[in-house]
Amino acid sequence: MTARKEGVATYRVLSNKILEDISEAEPKNKEELLVVKGIKEKRFKKYGRDILDLINKGRVRDSSPSAQNDNEGGIASPLSAPRNDSDKKLYTVSWYLDLLNSKLREQGARVKGEISSLDIKERYLFFSLKDKDDESLLNCFMGISNYRLSGVSFEEGMEIIVEGFPEVYKPSGRMTFKASTAELVGEGALKKAYQKLKKKLEDEGLFSLERKKSIPDFPQEIGLITSETGAVIHDFLNNLGKYGYRIKFFDSRVEGQAAVRDLLSAVSYFAGKNIDVLVVIRGGGSLESLQAFNNEVLVRKIADFKKPVLCGIGHEKDIPLVSMAADLMVSTPTAVAVSLNKSWDRALDNIRVFEKDIIYKYQKVLTDKNYEFEIMRRELWQKADFIFKKVKDIGHQLANKLTELRYRLNEVDKSLKEFLKLILVNFQKRLDEVDEYLNMLERRLKTVDPGRQLKLGYGIVSIGAKVIKSIRQVNKDDKVDIRVYDGKIKSRVEEIINK
């Protein structure tokens, strides 16, 4: 039911192998269902409940008394087909149609025909495809989202190719081909549709240079969309430089109209990722094989992508519209790798130029400094030689001066010795004269010595330290000292007699 609401072909939901594994395992709950290879959390979230309901419904029916013994004509599960012609199963109409539809899903195909009738509703459309050769008719059903995604405006008489699988519509028992994709037939029709959509988008300014984002320098986080089985991914990766790129890869079909859904899912996936650029690549091909890259929905999604988009989609004549809407369009996946490498290569070239320039400048500075050093060495040598000569000359002059000084010192020494000798002679002479003079003074002093006079009977009268030479120096009753030869006499003046 979920797949039907979303317009997804049921054979794309679960492969035959997964259905066989589910039938064998008969899981009862989520944990047992997730054990089945091919059933992951994301797929379980969408289809798990429906699968478990279907299995449990079949289990209830099989547990009824009429279903206990398969050899007794019990009602069969749609997941269990008769083993051989001798097995006789009893099916309800509903279960038989479910079984039939499960087998019909395996008959997925691409069918070409001419639209003979068309009824477009709000959520789906019915149309018939007619074989031009024998008027055979195939009734078809398509969800409106798949129709819009195909990018083809259906018209009666238009020849198209649809991809899908047959299914019996249970309420009416009518078989219908459930188409998931549609594409035009013929180079002329594709060319016409291409030119029409190109003009429409050009008129909207979707391809204008003003809308395009610049590719950042030194990108590292790269979102990559292409098929993992194609050769282009190896060409792209082999031509990427060793600049520490971190590739986030989304495996997508890139061939034909059926690739549109994968490509849209890939672009949506990278819208929430931390990337510097988004890269979309595939090899060359005809206009028919490149239909997915001329899809209006995909072109608009690429044009509105927030990060710069690089497209390297090979083409023979007409440039894919996705490439025109991208921020950078190149012709091949290798050219995309070269574009991503460009800023890194330029930086590496600059580093090499800087390296050579640094070495050259270093060598030049070294040469210049060596030259300057040589000039300084010569100048220093000349100055040192000049200084050595000056020192040598000064040494000679100093030696001459020392010799002259020595001669003069000898002369002075002789003069001093003679002068000293003369001084000594004169000094001795003066000593003799002084000695003679002193002897004479001694003789004179002896003649005037008071002690000698005192011995002769004379005395010296004094008052204190003052010698009395006149009667006017004393008064009556003055105490006087009389010095005689052998002592002193203390007396008092009783009477002064004038001569």
Protein backbone atom coordinates (compact mmCIF):
# COMPACT_ATOMS: atom_id res chain seq x y z
CA MET A 1 0.00 0.00 0.00
CA THR A 2 2.80 2.40 0.89
CA ALA A 3 4.58 1.75 -2.42
CA ARG A 4 1.32 2.21 -4.31
CA LYS A 5 0.68 5.57 -2.61
CA GLU A 6 4.16 6.78 -3.45
CA GLY A 7 3.88 5.58 -7.05
CA VAL A 8 6.87 3.26 -6.59
CA ALA A 9 6.91 0.03 -8.58
CA THR A 10 6.52 -2.82 -6.11
CA TYR A 11 9.22 -4.88 -7.78
CA ARG A 12 11.59 -2.07 -6.77
CA VAL A 13 10.56 -2.40 -3.11
CA LEU A 14 11.45 -6.07 -2.62
CA SER A 15 13.43 -8.27 -4.98
CA ASN A 16 12.44 -11.88 -5.64
CA LYS A 17 15.33 -13.07 -3.48
CA ILE A 18 14.16 -10.95 -0.52
CA LEU A 19 10.59 -12.24 -0.94
CA GLU A 20 11.87 -15.83 -0.95
CA ASP A 21 13.94 -15.18 2.20
CA ILE A 22 10.93 -13.62 3.94
CA SER A 23 8.73 -16.56 2.95
CA GLU A 24 11.27 -19.00 4.33
CA ALA A 25 11.93 -17.09 7.58
CA GLU A 26 8.27 -16.13 8.26
CA PRO A 27 9.30 -13.33 10.70
CA LYS A 28 6.86 -12.55 13.50
CA ASN A 29 8.18 -9.13 14.54
CA LYS A 30 10.50 -6.29 13.59
CA GLU A 31 13.63 -7.92 15.05
CA GLU A 32 13.10 -11.14 13.04
CA LEU A 33 12.32 -9.18 9.87
CA LEU A 34 15.48 -7.06 10.15
CA VAL A 35 17.52 -10.29 10.17
CA VAL A 36 16.45 -10.90 6.54
CA LYS A 37 19.19 -9.68 4.19
CA GLY A 38 18.05 -6.60 2.29
CA ILE A 39 15.68 -5.34 5.01
CA LYS A 40 17.25 -2.36 6.77
CA GLU A 41 15.84 0.15 9.25
CA LYS A 42 14.98 2.66 6.54
CA ARG A 43 13.14 0.08 4.42
CA PHE A 44 11.38 -1.32 7.48
CA LYS A 45 10.15 2.17 8.42
CA LYS A 46 8.42 2.42 5.02
CA TYR A 47 7.24 -1.13 4.29
CA GLY A 48 7.90 -3.26 7.40
CA ARG A 49 4.43 -3.01 8.95
CA ASP A 50 2.74 -3.92 5.67
CA ILE A 51 5.03 -6.94 5.24
CA LEU A 52 4.40 -8.16 8.81
CA ASP A 53 0.64 -7.63 8.43
CA LEU A 54 0.64 -9.62 5.22
CA ILE A 55 2.65 -12.48 6.80
CA ASN A 56 0.49 -12.54 9.96
CA LYS A 57 -2.71 -12.50 7.90
CA GLY A 58 -1.46 -15.50 5.92
CA ARG A 59 -0.39 -17.22 9.15
CA VAL A 60 -3.89 -16.79 10.61
CA ARG A 61 -5.49 -18.26 7.52
CA ASP A 62 -3.02 -21.13 7.38
CA SER A 63 -3.73 -21.95 11.05
CA SER A 64 -7.41 -22.55 10.32
CA PRO A 65 -8.63 -26.19 10.34
CA SER A 66 -8.99 -26.16 6.60
CA ALA A 67 -5.33 -25.12 6.20
CA GLN A 68 -3.74 -27.67 8.56
CA ASN A 69 -3.00 -30.19 5.82
CA ASP A 70 -1.90 -28.91 2.42
CA ASN A 71 -2.80 -32.26 0.85
CA GLU A 72 -6.43 -31.85 1.97
CA GLY A 73 -7.21 -28.79 -0.18
CA GLY A 74 -6.40 -25.99 2.30
CA ILE A 75 -6.33 -22.31 1.30
CA ALA A 76 -2.80 -21.41 0.08
CA SER A 77 -0.75 -18.40 1.07
CA PRO A 78 0.21 -16.06 -1.80
CA LEU A 79 3.83 -16.65 -0.85
CA SER A 80 3.52 -20.42 -1.29
CA ALA A 81 2.83 -21.68 -4.82
CA PRO A 82 1.95 -25.29 -5.72
CA ARG A 83 5.03 -27.45 -5.99
CA ASN A 84 3.82 -29.46 -9.01
CA ASP A 85 0.75 -30.13 -11.04
CA SER A 86 -0.39 -32.86 -8.66
CA ASP A 87 -0.64 -30.41 -5.76
CA LYS A 88 -4.20 -29.15 -5.56
CA LYS A 89 -4.51 -25.90 -3.65
CA LEU A 90 -7.64 -23.97 -3.03
CA TYR A 91 -7.28 -20.18 -3.34
CA THR A 92 -9.64 -17.40 -2.63
CA VAL A 93 -9.94 -14.94 -5.49
CA SER A 94 -8.14 -12.27 -3.49
CA TRP A 95 -5.28 -14.54 -2.53
CA TYR A 96 -4.97 -15.92 -6.01
CA LEU A 97 -4.79 -12.43 -7.48
CA ASP A 98 -2.14 -11.54 -4.88
CA LEU A 99 -0.18 -14.61 -5.95
CA LEU A 100 -0.67 -13.74 -9.58
CA ASN A 101 0.43 -10.14 -9.02
CA SER A 102 3.52 -11.26 -7.11
CA LYS A 103 4.49 -13.30 -10.18
CA LEU A 104 3.55 -10.54 -12.59
CA ARG A 105 5.89 -8.13 -10.77
CA GLU A 106 8.71 -10.31 -11.96
CA GLN A 107 7.75 -9.44 -15.53
CA GLY A 108 8.94 -5.86 -15.32
CA ALA A 109 9.70 -4.48 -18.78
CA ARG A 110 10.14 -1.47 -21.04
CA VAL A 111 7.27 -1.20 -23.51
CA LYS A 112 7.08 1.04 -26.57
CA GLY A 113 3.78 2.17 -28.06
CA GLU A 114 1.60 5.02 -29.24
CA ILE A 115 -0.75 6.75 -26.81
CA SER A 116 -4.26 6.00 -28.08
CA SER A 117 -6.29 7.25 -25.10
CA LEU A 118 -5.46 9.48 -22.16
CA ASP A 119 -7.27 10.37 -18.93
CA ILE A 120 -5.31 12.53 -16.47
CA LYS A 121 -6.73 12.76 -12.95
CA GLU A 122 -5.57 14.74 -9.92
CA ARG A 123 -3.43 11.93 -8.43
CA TYR A 124 -3.02 9.49 -11.31
CA LEU A 125 -3.62 8.99 -15.03
CA PHE A 126 -4.91 6.18 -17.24
CA PHE A 127 -3.71 5.77 -20.80
CA SER A 128 -3.50 3.10 -23.46
CA LEU A 129 -0.53 2.14 -25.59
CA LYS A 130 -1.22 0.86 -29.09
CA ASP A 131 1.14 -1.17 -31.22
CA LYS A 132 1.43 0.54 -34.61
CA ASP A 133 1.85 -2.73 -36.44
CA ASP A 134 -1.10 -4.86 -35.30
CA GLU A 135 -3.22 -2.46 -33.22
CA SER A 136 -2.52 -4.46 -30.00
CA LEU A 137 -3.58 -2.46 -26.92
CA LEU A 138 -2.06 -2.24 -23.43
CA ASN A 139 -3.95 -0.46 -20.66
CA CYS A 140 -1.59 1.54 -18.43
CA PHE A 141 -1.74 3.29 -15.08
CA MET A 142 0.73 5.89 -13.72
CA GLY A 143 0.95 7.93 -10.54
CA ILE A 144 0.89 11.69 -11.06
CA SER A 145 4.23 12.17 -9.27
CA ASN A 146 5.95 9.69 -11.61
CA TYR A 147 4.25 11.36 -14.57
CA ARG A 148 5.54 14.80 -13.58
CA LEU A 149 8.93 13.36 -12.81
CA SER A 150 9.16 11.87 -16.31
CA GLY A 151 9.16 15.35 -17.84
CA VAL A 152 7.06 14.18 -20.80
CA SER A 153 3.72 15.86 -21.53
CA PHE A 154 1.50 13.06 -22.81
CA GLU A 155 -0.55 13.63 -25.93
CA GLU A 156 -2.65 11.20 -27.95
CA GLY A 157 -0.68 9.90 -30.92
CA MET A 158 2.65 10.43 -29.15
CA GLU A 159 5.01 7.46 -29.23
CA ILE A 160 6.62 6.74 -25.85
CA ILE A 161 8.48 4.08 -23.92
CA VAL A 162 7.17 3.20 -20.45
CA GLU A 163 8.88 1.09 -17.81
CA GLY A 164 7.00 -0.87 -15.16
CA PHE A 165 5.23 -4.18 -14.57
CA PRO A 166 1.77 -5.71 -15.13
CA GLU A 167 -0.74 -5.95 -12.32
CA VAL A 168 -4.35 -7.18 -12.02
CA TYR A 169 -6.55 -4.57 -10.39
CA LYS A 170 -8.48 -6.71 -7.90
CA PRO A 171 -11.79 -4.76 -7.74
CA SER A 172 -12.28 -5.04 -11.50
CA GLY A 173 -10.07 -8.02 -12.39
CA ARG A 174 -8.63 -5.91 -15.19
CA MET A 175 -4.94 -6.18 -15.97
CA THR A 176 -3.07 -2.85 -16.13
CA PHE A 177 0.53 -2.04 -16.85
CA LYS A 178 1.78 0.09 -13.90
CA ALA A 179 4.27 2.53 -15.41
CA SER A 180 6.91 4.13 -13.21
CA THR A 181 8.77 6.06 -15.93
CA ALA A 182 8.05 7.37 -19.40
CA GLU A 183 10.23 8.70 -22.18
CA LEU A 184 9.89 9.88 -25.74
CA VAL A 185 10.79 7.69 -28.69
CA GLY A 186 13.02 8.83 -31.50
CA GLU A 187 15.80 11.35 -31.86
CA GLY A 188 13.50 13.95 -33.41
CA ALA A 189 10.97 13.88 -30.57
CA LEU A 190 13.68 13.98 -27.93
CA LYS A 191 15.40 16.84 -29.73
CA LYS A 192 12.17 18.80 -29.96
CA ALA A 193 11.40 18.29 -26.25
CA TYR A 194 14.99 19.20 -25.38
CA GLN A 195 14.86 22.47 -27.32
CA LYS A 196 11.46 23.36 -25.88
CA LEU A 197 12.57 22.83 -22.26
CA LYS A 198 15.91 24.54 -22.90
CA LYS A 199 14.17 27.69 -24.18
CA LYS A 200 11.73 27.67 -21.26
CA LEU A 201 14.51 27.47 -18.68
CA GLU A 202 16.65 30.01 -20.56
CA ASP A 203 13.77 32.48 -20.55
CA GLU A 204 13.51 32.02 -16.78
CA GLY A 205 17.21 32.86 -16.46
CA LEU A 206 18.00 29.47 -14.98
CA PHE A 207 21.24 29.23 -17.01
CA SER A 208 22.38 32.84 -16.48
CA LEU A 209 25.90 33.52 -15.23
CA GLU A 210 24.55 35.70 -12.42
CA ARG A 211 23.00 32.62 -10.76
CA LYS A 212 26.18 30.59 -10.79
CA LYS A 213 28.23 30.17 -7.64
CA SER A 214 32.02 30.32 -7.78
CA ILE A 215 33.95 27.14 -7.15
CA PRO A 216 35.81 27.56 -3.83
CA ASP A 217 39.58 27.41 -3.70
CA PHE A 218 41.11 24.34 -2.06
CA PRO A 219 37.94 22.18 -1.83
CA GLN A 220 38.27 19.06 0.30
CA GLU A 221 34.78 17.73 1.10
CA ILE A 222 33.38 16.46 -2.23
CA GLY A 223 29.93 14.98 -2.82
CA LEU A 224 30.07 12.60 -5.80
CA ILE A 225 27.08 11.30 -7.75
CA THR A 226 27.56 8.61 -10.41
CA SER A 227 27.29 4.88 -10.93
CA GLU A 228 29.77 2.77 -8.99
CA THR A 229 29.87 0.26 -11.85
CA GLY A 230 30.86 2.74 -14.55
CA ALA A 231 34.39 3.49 -15.71
CA VAL A 232 33.98 7.24 -15.18
CA ILE A 233 34.31 7.01 -11.39
CA HIS A 234 37.75 5.45 -11.80
CA ASP A 235 38.76 8.12 -14.35
CA PHE A 236 37.62 10.81 -11.94
CA LEU A 237 39.34 9.37 -8.85
CA ASN A 238 42.54 8.53 -10.74
CA ASN A 239 42.85 12.13 -11.94
CA LEU A 240 42.20 13.73 -8.56
CA GLY A 241 45.40 15.04 -7.04
CA LYS A 242 46.68 13.82 -3.70
CA TYR A 243 45.42 16.86 -1.82
CA GLY A 244 43.59 15.19 1.04
CA TYR A 245 40.17 15.08 -0.64
CA ARG A 246 37.38 13.42 1.32
CA ILE A 247 34.84 11.86 -1.05
CA LYS A 248 31.23 11.26 0.00
CA PHE A 249 29.79 8.96 -2.66
CA PHE A 250 26.20 8.25 -3.68
CA ASP A 251 25.69 5.36 -6.09
CA SER A 252 23.07 6.30 -8.67
CA ARG A 253 21.89 5.07 -12.02
CA VAL A 254 22.89 7.51 -14.76
CA GLU A 255 21.42 5.83 -17.86
CA GLY A 256 18.07 6.70 -19.36
CA GLN A 257 14.89 8.20 -17.94
CA ALA A 258 14.76 5.63 -15.12
CA ALA A 259 17.80 7.28 -13.52
CA VAL A 260 15.89 10.48 -12.65
CA ARG A 261 14.58 9.19 -9.32
CA ASP A 262 18.01 7.96 -8.23
CA LEU A 263 19.61 11.27 -9.20
CA LEU A 264 16.99 13.29 -7.32
CA SER A 265 17.50 11.12 -4.24
CA ALA A 266 21.26 11.64 -4.52
CA VAL A 267 20.94 15.44 -4.75
CA SER A 268 18.54 15.46 -1.79
CA TYR A 269 20.95 13.30 0.19
CA PHE A 270 23.81 15.75 -0.30
CA ALA A 271 21.62 18.79 0.50
CA GLY A 272 22.04 17.98 4.19
CA LYS A 273 25.71 17.02 4.06
CA ASN A 274 28.77 19.11 4.87
CA ILE A 275 30.42 19.34 1.46
CA ASP A 276 32.38 22.02 -0.39
CA VAL A 277 31.20 21.04 -3.89
CA LEU A 278 28.82 18.56 -5.49
CA VAL A 279 30.10 16.60 -8.50
CA VAL A 280 27.79 14.88 -11.02
CA ILE A 281 29.56 12.78 -13.67
CA ARG A 282 28.88 10.14 -16.30
CA GLY A 283 30.35 9.10 -19.63
CA GLY A 284 29.26 10.25 -23.07
CA GLY A 285 26.14 9.05 -24.78
CA SER A 286 23.29 9.79 -27.14
CA LEU A 287 20.46 12.19 -26.39
CA GLU A 288 18.28 9.19 -25.54
CA SER A 289 20.74 7.80 -22.96
CA LEU A 290 21.11 11.27 -21.41
CA GLN A 291 17.37 11.86 -20.92
CA ALA A 292 17.63 11.86 -17.13
CA PHE A 293 19.98 14.87 -17.28
CA ASN A 294 17.42 16.81 -19.34
CA ASN A 295 14.68 16.31 -16.77
CA GLU A 296 13.11 19.59 -15.63
CA VAL A 297 12.72 18.56 -12.00
CA LEU A 298 16.37 17.49 -11.76
CA VAL A 299 17.59 20.61 -13.59
CA ARG A 300 15.76 22.88 -11.16
CA LYS A 301 17.03 20.91 -8.15
CA ILE A 302 20.60 21.29 -9.40
CA ALA A 303 20.10 25.02 -10.05
CA ASP A 304 18.73 25.54 -6.52
CA PHE A 305 21.43 23.50 -4.78
CA LYS A 306 23.08 25.60 -2.05
CA LYS A 307 26.66 24.49 -2.72
CA PRO A 308 28.57 24.82 -6.04
CA VAL A 309 27.77 22.02 -8.50
CA LEU A 310 30.25 20.70 -11.09
CA CYS A 311 28.94 18.59 -13.97
CA GLY A 312 31.11 16.41 -16.17
CA ILE A 313 28.60 14.68 -18.41
CA GLY A 314 29.92 13.55 -21.76
CA HIS A 315 27.74 14.34 -24.78
CA GLU A 316 27.90 14.05 -28.52
CA LYS A 317 26.08 17.20 -29.65
CA ASP A 318 23.57 18.71 -27.25
CA ILE A 319 24.79 19.78 -23.81
CA PRO A 320 22.64 18.26 -21.03
CA LEU A 321 20.43 20.85 -19.35
CA VAL A 322 21.71 19.79 -15.92
CA SER A 323 25.21 20.83 -17.05
CA MET A 324 23.88 24.22 -18.17
CA ALA A 325 22.26 24.75 -14.77
CA ALA A 326 25.39 23.68 -12.89
CA ASP A 327 27.86 26.25 -11.57
CA LEU A 328 30.68 24.74 -13.62
CA MET A 329 30.20 22.67 -16.76
CA VAL A 330 33.02 20.64 -18.27
CA SER A 331 32.99 17.95 -20.93
CA THR A 332 34.35 14.90 -19.05
CA PRO A 333 34.76 13.50 -15.52
CA THR A 334 38.52 13.89 -15.97
CA ALA A 335 38.00 17.61 -16.65
CA VAL A 336 36.01 17.87 -13.39
CA ALA A 337 38.96 16.39 -11.49
CA VAL A 338 41.29 18.85 -13.23
CA SER A 339 38.99 21.75 -12.24
CA LEU A 340 39.00 20.64 -8.59
CA ASN A 341 42.77 20.28 -8.69
CA LYS A 342 43.26 23.71 -10.26
CA SER A 343 43.51 25.83 -7.09
CA TRP A 344 45.63 23.15 -5.39
CA ASP A 345 47.90 22.84 -8.45
CA ARG A 346 48.19 26.62 -8.65
CA ALA A 347 49.10 26.80 -4.95
CA LEU A 348 51.64 24.00 -5.43
CA ASP A 349 53.10 25.79 -8.46
CA ASN A 350 53.29 28.99 -6.42
CA ILE A 351 55.04 27.11 -3.63
CA ARG A 352 57.53 25.74 -6.13
CA VAL A 353 58.06 29.23 -7.59
CA PHE A 354 58.46 30.65 -4.07
CA GLU A 355 60.86 27.84 -3.26
CA LYS A 356 62.98 28.61 -6.33
CA ASP A 357 62.70 32.35 -5.63
CA ILE A 358 63.78 31.85 -2.02
CA ILE A 359 66.74 29.70 -3.09
CA TYR A 360 67.69 32.24 -5.79
CA LYS A 361 67.40 35.16 -3.39
CA TYR A 362 69.32 33.25 -0.75
CA GLN A 363 72.09 32.49 -3.24
CA LYS A 364 72.10 36.12 -4.41
CA VAL A 365 72.24 37.42 -0.83
CA LEU A 366 74.98 34.89 -0.07
CA THR A 367 76.95 35.99 -3.16
CA ASP A 368 76.46 39.67 -2.31
CA LYS A 369 77.47 39.09 1.29
CA ASN A 370 80.50 37.09 0.18
CA TYR A 371 81.49 39.99 -2.08
CA GLU A 372 80.94 42.49 0.74
CA PHE A 373 82.83 40.20 3.10
CA GLU A 374 85.74 40.04 0.64
CA ILE A 375 85.80 43.85 0.37
CA MET A 376 85.69 44.15 4.16
CA ARG A 377 88.43 41.54 4.48
CA ARG A 378 90.66 43.48 2.10
CA GLU A 379 89.89 46.77 3.84
CA LEU A 380 90.58 45.19 7.22
CA TRP A 381 93.79 43.68 5.89
CA GLN A 382 94.87 47.06 4.53
CA LYS A 383 93.96 48.79 7.78
CA ALA A 384 95.61 46.07 9.82
CA ASP A 385 98.73 46.31 7.64
CA PHE A 386 98.69 50.08 8.10
CA ILE A 387 98.27 49.63 11.85
CA PHE A 388 101.06 47.02 11.98
CA LYS A 389 103.35 49.39 10.12
CA LYS A 390 102.41 52.23 12.42
CA VAL A 391 102.99 50.03 15.45
CA LYS A 392 106.34 48.99 14.01
CA ASP A 393 107.30 52.61 13.36
CA ILE A 394 106.15 53.57 16.84
CA GLY A 395 108.19 50.64 18.20
CA HIS A 396 111.30 51.90 16.45
CA GLN A 397 110.61 55.41 17.64
CA LEU A 398 109.98 54.13 21.15
CA ALA A 399 113.24 52.14 21.08
CA ASN A 400 115.11 55.24 19.92
CA LYS A 401 113.43 57.30 22.60
CA LEU A 402 114.25 54.68 25.22
CA THR A 403 117.87 54.64 24.09
CA GLU A 404 117.98 58.41 24.22
CA LEU A 405 116.26 58.35 27.61
CA ARG A 406 118.73 55.79 28.88
CA TYR A 407 121.61 58.01 27.76
CA ARG A 408 120.02 61.01 29.41
CA LEU A 409 119.31 59.08 32.57
CA ASN A 410 122.98 58.08 32.68
CA GLU A 411 123.91 61.72 32.27
CA VAL A 412 121.45 62.72 34.95
CA ASP A 413 122.78 59.96 37.18
CA LYS A 414 126.31 61.25 36.77
CA SER A 415 125.15 64.80 37.39
CA LEU A 416 123.21 63.71 40.47
CA LYS A 417 126.16 61.86 41.81
CA GLU A 418 128.42 64.85 41.30
CA PHE A 419 125.74 67.14 42.69
CA LEU A 420 125.30 64.85 45.69
CA LYS A 421 129.01 64.78 46.24
CA LEU A 422 129.11 68.52 46.01
CA ILE A 423 126.15 68.79 48.39
CA LEU A 424 127.85 66.48 50.85
CA VAL A 425 131.05 68.48 50.70
CA ASN A 426 129.18 71.74 51.12
CA PHE A 427 127.00 70.23 53.82
CA GLN A 428 130.06 69.08 55.74
CA LYS A 429 131.58 72.50 55.32
CA ARG A 430 128.39 74.09 56.58
CA LEU A 431 128.33 71.69 59.52
CA ASP A 432 131.84 72.68 60.43
CA GLU A 433 130.93 76.36 60.22
CA VAL A 434 127.80 75.80 62.34
CA ASP A 435 129.82 73.85 64.87
CA GLU A 436 132.37 76.63 65.11
CA TYR A 437 129.58 79.19 65.40
CA LEU A 438 127.89 77.19 68.14
CA ASN A 439 131.18 76.95 70.06
CA MET A 440 131.55 80.68 69.83
CA LEU A 441 127.99 81.20 71.09
CA GLU A 442 128.68 78.78 73.89
CA ARG A 443 131.63 80.80 74.94
CA ARG A 444 129.60 83.97 74.83
CA LEU A 445 126.79 82.42 76.75
CA LYS A 446 129.13 81.31 79.42
CA THR A 447 130.31 84.83 79.84
CA VAL A 448 126.75 86.15 80.24
CA ASP A 449 125.36 83.15 82.19
CA PRO A 450 123.34 84.49 85.24
CA GLY A 451 124.34 81.43 87.20
CA ARG A 452 127.91 82.52 86.94
CA GLN A 453 126.94 85.94 88.25
CA LEU A 454 125.02 84.38 91.03
CA LYS A 455 128.02 82.39 92.04
CA LEU A 456 129.85 85.69 92.29
CA GLY A 457 127.27 86.84 94.90
CA TYR A 458 124.69 88.48 92.76
CA GLY A 459 120.89 87.70 93.11
CA ILE A 460 117.73 88.16 91.02
CA VAL A 461 114.66 89.81 92.64
CA SER A 462 111.25 89.15 91.16
CA ILE A 463 107.58 89.40 91.97
CA GLY A 464 105.97 86.31 90.54
CA ALA A 465 107.55 85.93 87.13
CA LYS A 466 108.46 89.59 86.77
CA VAL A 467 112.12 90.50 87.44
CA ILE A 468 112.52 93.74 89.48
CA LYS A 469 114.91 96.12 87.88
CA SER A 470 113.75 99.37 89.56
CA ILE A 471 112.38 100.46 92.90
CA ARG A 472 109.45 101.86 91.01
CA GLN A 473 108.30 98.34 90.30
CA VAL A 474 107.65 97.55 93.96
CA ASN A 475 105.67 98.93 96.82
CA LYS A 476 106.01 98.65 100.50
CA ASP A 477 104.85 95.31 101.90
CA ASP A 478 105.15 93.62 98.46
CA LYS A 479 106.29 90.04 98.68
CA VAL A 480 109.36 89.43 96.56
CA ASP A 481 111.46 86.40 95.62
CA ILE A 482 115.22 86.66 95.73
CA ARG A 483 117.00 84.02 93.65
CA VAL A 484 120.56 83.27 94.72
CA TYR A 485 123.03 80.68 93.50
CA ASP A 486 121.77 77.81 95.56
CA GLY A 487 118.06 78.67 96.15
CA LYS A 488 115.34 81.25 96.58
CA ILE A 489 114.58 83.64 99.44
CA LYS A 490 111.04 84.78 100.24
CA SER A 491 110.95 88.34 101.73
CA ARG A 492 108.76 91.46 102.09
CA VAL A 493 109.55 95.07 101.25
CA GLU A 494 109.60 97.06 104.41
CA GLU A 495 111.11 100.22 103.10
CA ILE A 496 111.97 101.69 99.67
CA ILE A 497 115.09 103.86 99.61
CA ASN A 498 115.61 106.04 96.60
CA LYS A 499 119.29 106.39 95.43
